[in-house]
Amino acid sequence: MLITLFFIFCSQNQIGISSIFKVFLSATLFRLLGNMKKEISQKNRSFSHKTQLYHIYYRRTGLYPFLLKHTIRVLVGIGVLVAGLLALNKYVINVDEAMQSMFSNFSDGAIFTFFTLSETILGLVPPDLFIVWAGGKESPYTFLLALENKI
């Protein structure tokens, strides 16, 4: 319909169609591109606006102090746990010696059987103990492959 009105206007005023068409086309393209820029900037503004609203909401509800307080608690808890494990290893029992004495008292077949039963029933004994055991052998990769096939 707009194009029909354009041609009627051009024929009544006896204006060259090519020059008017160029002006009409450039104005239409300019309008379309302007709308696209507005849509893009409104999307960006709406995202930043939402972000600001969330920030205000979190600040009012006290999320930031809550996160800070609990992050400090978690870091302190991890520090206490690591310090406790290091103190246990140094002053109470040497973990390396305990592993050596535990694994040297049993045969390889007994350890494979215990590992298979442990992993089959409930998996309560961590596989890391068996990996440590395999690491102390003359060919650890062979024992690790055997453990992997048992799982």
C-alpha atoms as a PDB file:
ATOM      1  CA  MET A   1       0.000   0.000   0.000  1.00  0.00           C
ATOM      2  CA  LEU A   2       2.828   2.356   0.828  1.00  0.00           C
ATOM      3  CA  ILE A   3       4.435   1.689  -2.531  1.00  0.00           C
ATOM      4  CA  THR A   4       1.133   2.424  -4.331  1.00  0.00           C
ATOM      5  CA  LEU A   5       0.860   5.781  -2.555  1.00  0.00           C
ATOM      6  CA  PHE A   6       4.438   6.518  -3.498  1.00  0.00           C
ATOM      7  CA  PHE A   7       3.779   5.908  -7.211  1.00  0.00           C
ATOM      8  CA  ILE A   8       0.567   7.998  -7.137  1.00  0.00           C
ATOM      9  CA  PHE A   9       2.501  10.874  -5.502  1.00  0.00           C
ATOM     10  CA  CYS A  10       5.239  10.664  -8.114  1.00  0.00           C
ATOM     11  CA  SER A  11       2.811  10.625 -11.059  1.00  0.00           C
ATOM     12  CA  GLN A  12       0.758  13.576  -9.766  1.00  0.00           C
ATOM     13  CA  ASN A  13       3.760  15.776  -9.066  1.00  0.00           C
ATOM     14  CA  GLN A  14       5.687  14.643 -12.144  1.00  0.00           C
ATOM     15  CA  ILE A  15       8.828  13.982 -10.153  1.00  0.00           C
ATOM     16  CA  GLY A  16      11.450  11.559 -11.377  1.00  0.00           C
ATOM     17  CA  ILE A  17      10.775   8.178  -9.843  1.00  0.00           C
ATOM     18  CA  SER A  18      14.428   7.208  -9.551  1.00  0.00           C
ATOM     19  CA  SER A  19      15.414  10.191  -7.366  1.00  0.00           C
ATOM     20  CA  ILE A  20      12.330   9.910  -5.124  1.00  0.00           C
ATOM     21  CA  PHE A  21      12.757   6.143  -4.899  1.00  0.00           C
ATOM     22  CA  LYS A  22      16.355   6.579  -3.747  1.00  0.00           C
ATOM     23  CA  VAL A  23      15.272   9.028  -1.044  1.00  0.00           C
ATOM     24  CA  PHE A  24      12.394   6.753  -0.006  1.00  0.00           C
ATOM     25  CA  LEU A  25      14.648   3.687   0.106  1.00  0.00           C
ATOM     26  CA  SER A  26      17.384   5.414   2.088  1.00  0.00           C
ATOM     27  CA  ALA A  27      14.814   6.823   4.577  1.00  0.00           C
ATOM     28  CA  THR A  28      13.236   3.374   4.998  1.00  0.00           C
ATOM     29  CA  LEU A  29      16.597   1.688   5.525  1.00  0.00           C
ATOM     30  CA  PHE A  30      17.644   4.390   7.986  1.00  0.00           C
ATOM     31  CA  ARG A  31      14.421   3.876   9.930  1.00  0.00           C
ATOM     32  CA  LEU A  32      14.872   0.082   9.970  1.00  0.00           C
ATOM     33  CA  LEU A  33      18.501   0.308  11.099  1.00  0.00           C
ATOM     34  CA  GLY A  34      17.567   2.826  13.766  1.00  0.00           C
ATOM     35  CA  ASN A  35      14.946   0.435  15.134  1.00  0.00           C
ATOM     36  CA  MET A  36      17.471  -2.390  15.169  1.00  0.00           C
ATOM     37  CA  LYS A  37      19.926  -0.274  17.154  1.00  0.00           C
ATOM     38  CA  LYS A  38      17.184   0.652  19.615  1.00  0.00           C
ATOM     39  CA  GLU A  39      16.212  -3.002  20.058  1.00  0.00           C
ATOM     40  CA  ILE A  40      19.823  -4.005  20.691  1.00  0.00           C
ATOM     41  CA  SER A  41      20.406  -1.179  23.172  1.00  0.00           C
ATOM     42  CA  GLN A  42      17.113  -1.962  24.938  1.00  0.00           C
ATOM     43  CA  LYS A  43      18.191  -5.592  25.325  1.00  0.00           C
ATOM     44  CA  ASN A  44      21.509  -4.492  26.793  1.00  0.00           C
ATOM     45  CA  ARG A  45      19.789  -1.999  29.043  1.00  0.00           C
ATOM     46  CA  SER A  46      17.286  -4.547  30.167  1.00  0.00           C
ATOM     47  CA  PHE A  47      20.073  -6.984  31.114  1.00  0.00           C
ATOM     48  CA  SER A  48      21.997  -4.323  33.023  1.00  0.00           C
ATOM     49  CA  HIS A  49      18.766  -3.133  34.563  1.00  0.00           C
ATOM     50  CA  LYS A  50      17.972  -6.667  35.719  1.00  0.00           C
ATOM     51  CA  THR A  51      21.480  -7.015  37.085  1.00  0.00           C
ATOM     52  CA  GLN A  52      21.103  -3.798  39.050  1.00  0.00           C
ATOM     53  CA  LEU A  53      17.740  -4.945  40.389  1.00  0.00           C
ATOM     54  CA  TYR A  54      19.225  -8.266  41.530  1.00  0.00           C
ATOM     55  CA  HIS A  55      22.120  -6.414  43.154  1.00  0.00           C
ATOM     56  CA  ILE A  56      19.716  -4.145  45.066  1.00  0.00           C
ATOM     57  CA  TYR A  57      17.584  -7.141  46.090  1.00  0.00           C
ATOM     58  CA  TYR A  58      20.589  -9.143  47.289  1.00  0.00           C
ATOM     59  CA  ARG A  59      21.963  -6.150  49.175  1.00  0.00           C
ATOM     60  CA  ARG A  60      18.625  -5.567  50.929  1.00  0.00           C
ATOM     61  CA  THR A  61      18.103  -9.208  51.839  1.00  0.00           C
ATOM     62  CA  GLY A  62      21.649  -9.550  53.209  1.00  0.00           C
ATOM     63  CA  LEU A  63      22.998 -12.101  50.748  1.00  0.00           C
ATOM     64  CA  TYR A  64      26.472 -10.552  50.516  1.00  0.00           C
ATOM     65  CA  PRO A  65      27.244 -10.641  54.272  1.00  0.00           C
ATOM     66  CA  PHE A  66      25.762 -14.149  54.394  1.00  0.00           C
ATOM     67  CA  LEU A  67      28.076 -15.348  51.615  1.00  0.00           C
ATOM     68  CA  LEU A  68      31.097 -13.680  53.209  1.00  0.00           C
ATOM     69  CA  LYS A  69      30.385 -15.167  56.630  1.00  0.00           C
ATOM     70  CA  HIS A  70      29.868 -18.692  55.331  1.00  0.00           C
ATOM     71  CA  THR A  71      32.821 -18.552  52.942  1.00  0.00           C
ATOM     72  CA  ILE A  72      35.054 -17.651  55.880  1.00  0.00           C
ATOM     73  CA  ARG A  73      33.545 -20.525  57.892  1.00  0.00           C
ATOM     74  CA  VAL A  74      34.201 -23.012  55.096  1.00  0.00           C
ATOM     75  CA  LEU A  75      37.796 -21.836  54.636  1.00  0.00           C
ATOM     76  CA  VAL A  76      38.429 -22.035  58.389  1.00  0.00           C
ATOM     77  CA  GLY A  77      36.898 -25.521  58.474  1.00  0.00           C
ATOM     78  CA  ILE A  78      39.097 -26.733  55.620  1.00  0.00           C
ATOM     79  CA  GLY A  79      42.152 -25.210  57.309  1.00  0.00           C
ATOM     80  CA  VAL A  80      41.357 -26.937  60.613  1.00  0.00           C
ATOM     81  CA  LEU A  81      40.844 -30.263  58.818  1.00  0.00           C
ATOM     82  CA  VAL A  82      44.153 -30.002  56.937  1.00  0.00           C
ATOM     83  CA  ALA A  83      46.009 -28.932  60.088  1.00  0.00           C
ATOM     84  CA  GLY A  84      44.441 -31.839  62.004  1.00  0.00           C
ATOM     85  CA  LEU A  85      45.466 -34.359  59.352  1.00  0.00           C
ATOM     86  CA  LEU A  86      49.005 -33.009  59.238  1.00  0.00           C
ATOM     87  CA  ALA A  87      49.260 -33.120  63.040  1.00  0.00           C
ATOM     88  CA  LEU A  88      47.855 -36.673  63.062  1.00  0.00           C
ATOM     89  CA  ASN A  89      50.413 -37.771  60.480  1.00  0.00           C
ATOM     90  CA  LYS A  90      53.312 -36.119  62.297  1.00  0.00           C
ATOM     91  CA  TYR A  91      52.592 -36.690  66.006  1.00  0.00           C
ATOM     92  CA  VAL A  92      50.204 -39.642  66.329  1.00  0.00           C
ATOM     93  CA  ILE A  93      50.767 -42.128  63.502  1.00  0.00           C
ATOM     94  CA  ASN A  94      52.884 -42.072  60.386  1.00  0.00           C
ATOM     95  CA  VAL A  95      50.521 -43.002  57.569  1.00  0.00           C
ATOM     96  CA  ASP A  96      53.297 -44.327  55.298  1.00  0.00           C
ATOM     97  CA  GLU A  97      54.530 -46.771  57.939  1.00  0.00           C
ATOM     98  CA  ALA A  98      50.974 -47.869  58.753  1.00  0.00           C
ATOM     99  CA  MET A  99      50.279 -48.618  55.079  1.00  0.00           C
ATOM    100  CA  GLN A 100      53.535 -50.554  54.716  1.00  0.00           C
ATOM    101  CA  SER A 101      52.876 -52.700  57.775  1.00  0.00           C
ATOM    102  CA  MET A 102      49.243 -53.288  56.786  1.00  0.00           C
ATOM    103  CA  PHE A 103      50.037 -54.363  53.223  1.00  0.00           C
ATOM    104  CA  SER A 104      53.155 -56.389  54.072  1.00  0.00           C
ATOM    105  CA  ASN A 105      51.203 -58.691  56.404  1.00  0.00           C
ATOM    106  CA  PHE A 106      48.790 -59.884  53.692  1.00  0.00           C
ATOM    107  CA  SER A 107      49.368 -61.698  50.421  1.00  0.00           C
ATOM    108  CA  ASP A 108      48.491 -60.183  47.063  1.00  0.00           C
ATOM    109  CA  GLY A 109      45.655 -62.659  46.552  1.00  0.00           C
ATOM    110  CA  ALA A 110      44.081 -61.732  49.891  1.00  0.00           C
ATOM    111  CA  ILE A 111      44.229 -58.034  49.033  1.00  0.00           C
ATOM    112  CA  PHE A 112      42.678 -58.656  45.587  1.00  0.00           C
ATOM    113  CA  THR A 113      39.913 -60.698  47.210  1.00  0.00           C
ATOM    114  CA  PHE A 114      39.272 -58.029  49.848  1.00  0.00           C
ATOM    115  CA  PHE A 115      39.171 -55.332  47.156  1.00  0.00           C
ATOM    116  CA  THR A 116      36.735 -57.331  45.013  1.00  0.00           C
ATOM    117  CA  LEU A 117      34.423 -58.017  47.957  1.00  0.00           C
ATOM    118  CA  SER A 118      34.621 -54.425  49.138  1.00  0.00           C
ATOM    119  CA  GLU A 119      33.720 -52.991  45.736  1.00  0.00           C
ATOM    120  CA  THR A 120      31.054 -55.608  45.033  1.00  0.00           C
ATOM    121  CA  ILE A 121      29.132 -55.357  48.288  1.00  0.00           C
ATOM    122  CA  LEU A 122      29.125 -51.716  49.370  1.00  0.00           C
ATOM    123  CA  GLY A 123      32.382 -50.057  48.373  1.00  0.00           C
ATOM    124  CA  LEU A 124      33.082 -48.821  51.902  1.00  0.00           C
ATOM    125  CA  VAL A 125      36.858 -49.168  51.602  1.00  0.00           C
ATOM    126  CA  PRO A 126      38.163 -46.411  49.335  1.00  0.00           C
ATOM    127  CA  PRO A 127      39.991 -47.607  46.194  1.00  0.00           C
ATOM    128  CA  ASP A 128      42.766 -45.111  46.967  1.00  0.00           C
ATOM    129  CA  LEU A 129      44.128 -47.535  49.580  1.00  0.00           C
ATOM    130  CA  PHE A 130      44.497 -50.200  46.924  1.00  0.00           C
ATOM    131  CA  ILE A 131      46.139 -47.726  44.558  1.00  0.00           C
ATOM    132  CA  VAL A 132      48.684 -46.931  47.287  1.00  0.00           C
ATOM    133  CA  TRP A 133      49.222 -50.676  47.728  1.00  0.00           C
ATOM    134  CA  ALA A 134      49.773 -51.128  43.979  1.00  0.00           C
ATOM    135  CA  GLY A 135      52.201 -48.194  43.951  1.00  0.00           C
ATOM    136  CA  GLY A 136      54.493 -50.024  46.386  1.00  0.00           C
ATOM    137  CA  LYS A 137      54.896 -53.049  44.107  1.00  0.00           C
ATOM    138  CA  GLU A 138      57.698 -53.659  41.595  1.00  0.00           C
ATOM    139  CA  SER A 139      55.309 -53.230  38.619  1.00  0.00           C
ATOM    140  CA  PRO A 140      52.575 -50.875  39.823  1.00  0.00           C
ATOM    141  CA  TYR A 141      50.865 -50.450  36.433  1.00  0.00           C
ATOM    142  CA  THR A 142      50.265 -54.195  36.163  1.00  0.00           C
ATOM    143  CA  PHE A 143      48.604 -54.238  39.573  1.00  0.00           C
ATOM    144  CA  LEU A 144      46.537 -51.150  38.738  1.00  0.00           C
ATOM    145  CA  LEU A 145      45.295 -52.817  35.556  1.00  0.00           C
ATOM    146  CA  ALA A 146      44.394 -55.896  37.576  1.00  0.00           C
ATOM    147  CA  LEU A 147      42.495 -53.705  40.074  1.00  0.00           C
ATOM    148  CA  GLU A 148      40.711 -51.952  37.236  1.00  0.00           C
ATOM    149  CA  ASN A 149      39.546 -55.242  35.769  1.00  0.00           C
ATOM    150  CA  LYS A 150      38.245 -56.346  39.161  1.00  0.00           C
ATOM    151  CA  ILE A 151      35.969 -53.305  39.396  1.00  0.00           C
END
